[in-house]
Protein backbone atom coordinates (compact mmCIF):
# COMPACT_ATOMS: atom_id res chain seq x y z
CA MET A 1 -23.92 10.81 -18.14
CA PRO A 2 -26.99 8.95 -17.28
CA ALA A 3 -28.90 9.81 -14.40
CA GLY A 4 -27.69 7.44 -11.49
CA PHE A 5 -24.54 6.24 -13.15
CA ASP A 6 -21.60 6.20 -11.27
CA GLU A 7 -18.59 6.43 -13.28
CA ARG A 8 -15.37 4.94 -12.00
CA HIS A 9 -11.73 5.11 -12.63
CA ARG A 10 -8.80 2.90 -11.90
CA ILE A 11 -6.69 6.31 -10.32
CA GLU A 12 -9.48 5.51 -7.46
CA ARG A 13 -8.07 2.05 -7.08
CA ILE A 14 -4.60 2.95 -7.06
CA ARG A 15 -4.25 3.79 -2.74
CA TRP A 16 -5.60 0.60 -1.73
CA LEU A 17 -4.04 -1.41 -4.52
CA ARG A 18 -0.74 0.16 -3.76
CA ALA A 19 -0.95 -0.88 0.05
CA ALA A 20 -3.17 -4.44 -0.68
CA VAL A 21 0.10 -5.54 -3.29
CA LEU A 22 2.71 -4.14 -1.29
CA GLY A 23 1.56 -6.12 1.95
CA ALA A 24 1.00 -9.38 0.04
CA ASN A 25 4.50 -8.99 -2.12
CA ASP A 26 6.35 -8.36 1.33
CA GLY A 27 4.55 -11.47 3.17
CA ILE A 28 5.57 -13.79 0.16
CA VAL A 29 8.95 -12.38 -0.41
CA SER A 30 9.81 -12.28 3.20
CA THR A 31 8.22 -15.34 4.02
CA SER A 32 9.88 -17.52 1.38
CA SER A 33 13.09 -16.06 1.70
CA LEU A 34 13.08 -16.88 5.66
CA VAL A 35 11.86 -20.39 5.11
CA LEU A 36 14.40 -20.73 1.91
CA GLY A 37 17.69 -19.30 3.83
CA VAL A 38 16.54 -21.40 7.55
CA ALA A 39 15.68 -25.04 5.27
CA ALA A 40 19.32 -24.15 3.49
CA ALA A 41 20.95 -23.82 6.64
CA HIS A 42 19.99 -27.72 6.77
CA ALA A 43 17.40 -26.83 9.65
CA THR A 44 14.85 -29.47 10.64
CA HIS A 45 11.27 -29.19 9.32
CA SER A 46 9.62 -27.97 12.12
CA ASN A 47 12.27 -25.40 12.87
CA ILE A 48 11.55 -24.01 9.54
CA LEU A 49 8.09 -23.70 10.13
CA VAL A 50 8.44 -22.15 13.49
CA ALA A 51 10.79 -19.49 11.85
CA GLY A 52 8.22 -19.10 8.68
CA VAL A 53 5.47 -18.42 11.86
CA ALA A 54 7.81 -15.93 13.63
CA GLY A 55 8.32 -14.19 10.27
CA LEU A 56 4.62 -14.08 9.68
CA MET A 57 3.91 -12.52 12.88
CA ALA A 58 6.51 -10.38 13.37
CA GLY A 59 6.45 -9.16 9.27
CA ALA A 60 2.66 -8.15 10.09
CA MET A 61 3.16 -6.16 12.98
CA SER A 62 6.00 -4.53 11.29
CA MET A 63 4.13 -3.54 8.37
CA ALA A 64 0.92 -2.52 10.93
CA ALA A 65 3.37 -0.30 12.99
CA GLY A 66 5.17 1.29 10.16
CA GLU A 67 1.80 2.24 8.35
CA TYR A 68 0.19 3.07 10.98
CA VAL A 69 3.47 5.48 12.02
CA SER A 70 3.36 6.65 8.55
CA VAL A 71 -0.22 7.75 7.79
CA LYS A 72 -0.79 9.14 11.18
CA SER A 73 1.79 11.26 11.14
CA GLN A 74 -0.37 12.39 7.38
CA ALA A 75 -2.94 12.40 9.55
CA ASP A 76 -1.48 14.57 11.79
CA ARG A 77 -0.53 17.31 9.12
CA GLU A 78 -3.82 17.06 7.51
CA GLN A 79 -5.73 18.13 10.78
CA ALA A 80 -2.99 20.87 11.43
CA GLU A 81 -3.60 22.04 8.36
CA LEU A 82 -7.23 22.32 8.34
CA GLY A 83 -6.91 23.99 11.87
CA ARG A 84 -5.15 26.62 10.33
CA GLU A 85 -7.34 27.04 7.11
CA GLN A 86 -10.27 27.37 9.94
CA LEU A 87 -8.91 30.07 11.82
CA GLU A 88 -8.11 32.22 8.18
CA LEU A 89 -11.41 31.55 7.43
CA ARG A 90 -12.69 33.16 10.70
CA ASN A 91 -10.44 36.37 10.49
CA ASP A 92 -10.44 36.83 6.88
CA SER A 93 -12.74 35.33 5.14
CA LYS A 94 -12.64 37.63 1.76
CA GLY A 95 -9.05 36.94 1.52
CA GLU A 96 -10.14 33.38 1.50
CA HIS A 97 -12.94 33.92 -0.75
CA ARG A 98 -10.52 35.74 -3.11
CA GLU A 99 -7.67 32.82 -2.86
CA LEU A 100 -10.51 30.34 -3.73
CA ALA A 101 -11.36 32.11 -6.56
CA ALA A 102 -7.87 32.65 -7.94
CA ILE A 103 -7.71 29.32 -7.77
CA TYR A 104 -10.47 28.29 -10.08
CA VAL A 105 -9.22 31.37 -12.49
CA ALA A 106 -6.06 29.46 -12.72
CA ARG A 107 -7.38 26.48 -13.54
CA GLY A 108 -9.24 28.20 -16.40
CA LEU A 109 -12.79 30.06 -15.51
CA ASP A 110 -13.53 33.60 -15.99
CA PRO A 111 -13.04 35.61 -12.66
CA ALA A 112 -16.62 36.53 -12.62
CA LEU A 113 -17.59 32.80 -13.09
CA ALA A 114 -14.48 31.47 -10.64
CA LYS A 115 -15.96 34.55 -7.77
CA GLN A 116 -19.36 32.96 -8.28
CA VAL A 117 -18.29 29.64 -8.16
CA ALA A 118 -16.09 30.40 -4.62
CA GLU A 119 -19.28 31.86 -3.07
CA GLN A 120 -21.24 29.26 -3.85
CA LEU A 121 -19.07 26.76 -2.54
CA MET A 122 -18.08 28.77 0.42
CA ARG A 123 -21.77 29.36 1.19
CA HIS A 124 -22.28 25.26 0.86
CA ASP A 125 -19.06 24.67 3.05
CA ALA A 126 -16.61 27.17 3.26
CA LEU A 127 -13.69 24.75 5.00
CA GLY A 128 -14.43 21.56 2.48
CA ALA A 129 -14.15 23.64 -0.01
CA HIS A 130 -10.74 24.86 1.09
CA ALA A 131 -9.49 21.68 2.12
CA ARG A 132 -10.52 20.08 -1.15
CA ASP A 133 -9.19 22.95 -3.77
CA GLU A 134 -6.48 24.61 -1.47
CA LEU A 135 -4.82 21.80 0.27
CA GLY A 136 -5.60 18.88 -1.84
CA ILE A 137 -7.96 17.27 0.85
CA SER A 138 -11.06 15.46 0.39
CA GLU A 139 -12.88 12.78 2.13
CA THR A 140 -11.64 10.08 -0.23
CA LEU A 141 -8.52 10.77 0.24
CA ARG A 142 -8.06 11.41 3.96
CA ALA A 143 -5.38 9.88 5.92
CA ARG A 144 -6.84 7.11 7.90
CA PRO A 145 -4.24 5.53 9.90
CA ILE A 146 -6.20 2.37 11.87
CA GLN A 147 -7.78 1.22 8.50
CA ALA A 148 -3.94 1.46 6.98
CA ALA A 149 -2.17 -0.25 9.61
CA LEU A 150 -5.12 -3.08 9.37
CA ALA A 151 -4.85 -3.40 5.56
CA SER A 152 -1.42 -3.53 5.83
CA ALA A 153 -0.72 -6.38 8.66
CA GLY A 154 -3.73 -8.16 6.83
CA SER A 155 -2.48 -7.98 3.52
CA PHE A 156 1.21 -8.91 4.55
CA ALA A 157 -0.44 -11.68 6.56
CA VAL A 158 -2.14 -13.41 3.63
CA GLY A 159 0.86 -13.47 1.25
CA ALA A 160 3.01 -14.94 4.28
CA ALA A 161 0.22 -17.74 4.62
CA MET A 162 1.05 -18.61 0.84
CA PRO A 163 4.49 -20.26 1.49
CA LEU A 164 4.24 -21.43 4.83
CA LEU A 165 0.94 -23.30 3.66
CA VAL A 166 3.37 -25.46 1.30
CA THR A 167 6.35 -24.97 3.37
CA ALA A 168 3.67 -27.09 6.01
CA ILE A 169 2.67 -29.96 3.73
CA ALA A 170 6.02 -30.41 1.52
CA PRO A 171 8.02 -33.28 1.60
CA ALA A 172 11.60 -32.13 3.32
CA ALA A 173 13.36 -33.51 0.28
CA GLY A 174 11.58 -31.27 -2.12
CA LEU A 175 11.01 -28.36 0.73
CA ILE A 176 13.11 -25.69 -1.13
CA PHE A 177 12.37 -26.17 -4.98
CA LEU A 178 8.54 -26.49 -4.09
CA VAL A 179 8.95 -23.42 -1.73
CA ALA A 180 10.53 -21.37 -4.28
CA GLY A 181 8.37 -22.71 -7.06
CA THR A 182 5.27 -21.70 -5.59
CA SER A 183 6.48 -18.56 -3.75
CA LEU A 184 7.66 -17.29 -7.71
CA ALA A 185 4.06 -18.38 -9.08
CA PHE A 186 2.58 -16.73 -6.63
CA LEU A 187 4.26 -13.31 -7.15
CA ALA A 188 3.93 -13.64 -10.83
CA LEU A 189 0.05 -13.84 -10.35
CA LEU A 190 -0.04 -11.06 -7.90
CA GLY A 191 1.64 -9.04 -10.34
CA GLY A 192 -0.09 -9.62 -13.14
CA LEU A 193 -3.42 -8.56 -11.13
CA ALA A 194 -2.08 -5.90 -9.97
CA ALA A 195 -1.08 -4.60 -12.97
CA GLN A 196 -4.25 -5.27 -14.91
CA ALA A 197 -6.17 -3.70 -11.88
CA GLY A 198 -4.09 -0.29 -12.43
CA GLY A 199 -4.16 -0.53 -16.15
CA ALA A 200 -0.72 -1.15 -16.88
CA GLY A 201 0.39 -4.51 -18.91
CA VAL A 202 0.08 -7.65 -17.12
CA THR A 203 3.40 -9.20 -18.44
CA VAL A 204 5.45 -6.84 -17.39
CA GLY A 205 4.06 -6.23 -13.66
CA ALA A 206 4.42 -9.65 -13.17
CA TRP A 207 7.87 -9.73 -14.37
CA ARG A 208 8.90 -6.96 -12.43
CA VAL A 209 7.91 -8.59 -9.19
CA THR A 210 8.93 -12.20 -9.85
CA PHE A 211 12.33 -11.08 -10.67
CA TRP A 212 12.95 -9.07 -7.29
CA GLY A 213 11.46 -11.85 -5.28
CA ALA A 214 13.67 -14.68 -7.34
CA MET A 215 16.69 -12.10 -6.29
CA ALA A 216 15.76 -11.92 -2.53
CA MET A 217 15.05 -15.64 -2.28
CA ALA A 218 18.10 -17.02 -4.04
CA LEU A 219 20.37 -14.25 -1.76
CA THR A 220 18.37 -15.30 1.57
CA ALA A 221 19.04 -19.20 0.39
CA GLY A 222 22.78 -18.12 -0.34
CA VAL A 223 23.32 -16.89 2.89
CA GLY A 224 21.83 -19.57 4.71
CA ALA A 225 23.90 -22.19 2.69
CA LEU A 226 26.97 -20.45 3.78
CA PHE A 227 26.29 -20.39 7.28
CA GLY A 228 24.86 -23.57 7.29
CA ALA A 229 28.20 -25.12 6.00
CA VAL A 230 30.22 -23.24 8.28
CA ALA A 231 28.13 -24.31 11.33
């Protein structure tokens, strides 16, 4: 590999890509479904907009809270494991050395080379070596609760803003068809882009997201129409 060449792999995108796609997808599906359900119940245009904005705010906060709690729990577990590992390094350095060398032997290194590698890595950063190779914790993959919460809330809000914008400018007579059509188009585009970024089939990715989005919109619109007729 040439000096200074920074090789990038799609696997490095998986964590942020999954969170961004999940948030934006939820924003589009939940907000468009809410708008369609309220519209199918024969609500006024202003009431539909208010419901959509309320759904955006509630959904973004829900995404942020859920992601924060989940990732914070992971961060707490990581911190506890690192604390335990640090204690073991302090009380039994030679045992931890043998443990690290055994990991490298299991990965295919000769015992002598594995021992040498373990010695050098532990001399450089003992806790970092054990965190990475024994616990699977690295700086790149460390849990970051606040960043995760902000990313989820932001991506949800961006996704939710799409059907809301269409709702704001669409005429009342064609609102249901315009919101449903554009939302499905947004979902197809999002699914295709996510699949391409992850190295998967674009058509399959777009179809999968669009299908489940259409199911959610149809069910919610059906409930709205049912309750609108009863009222």
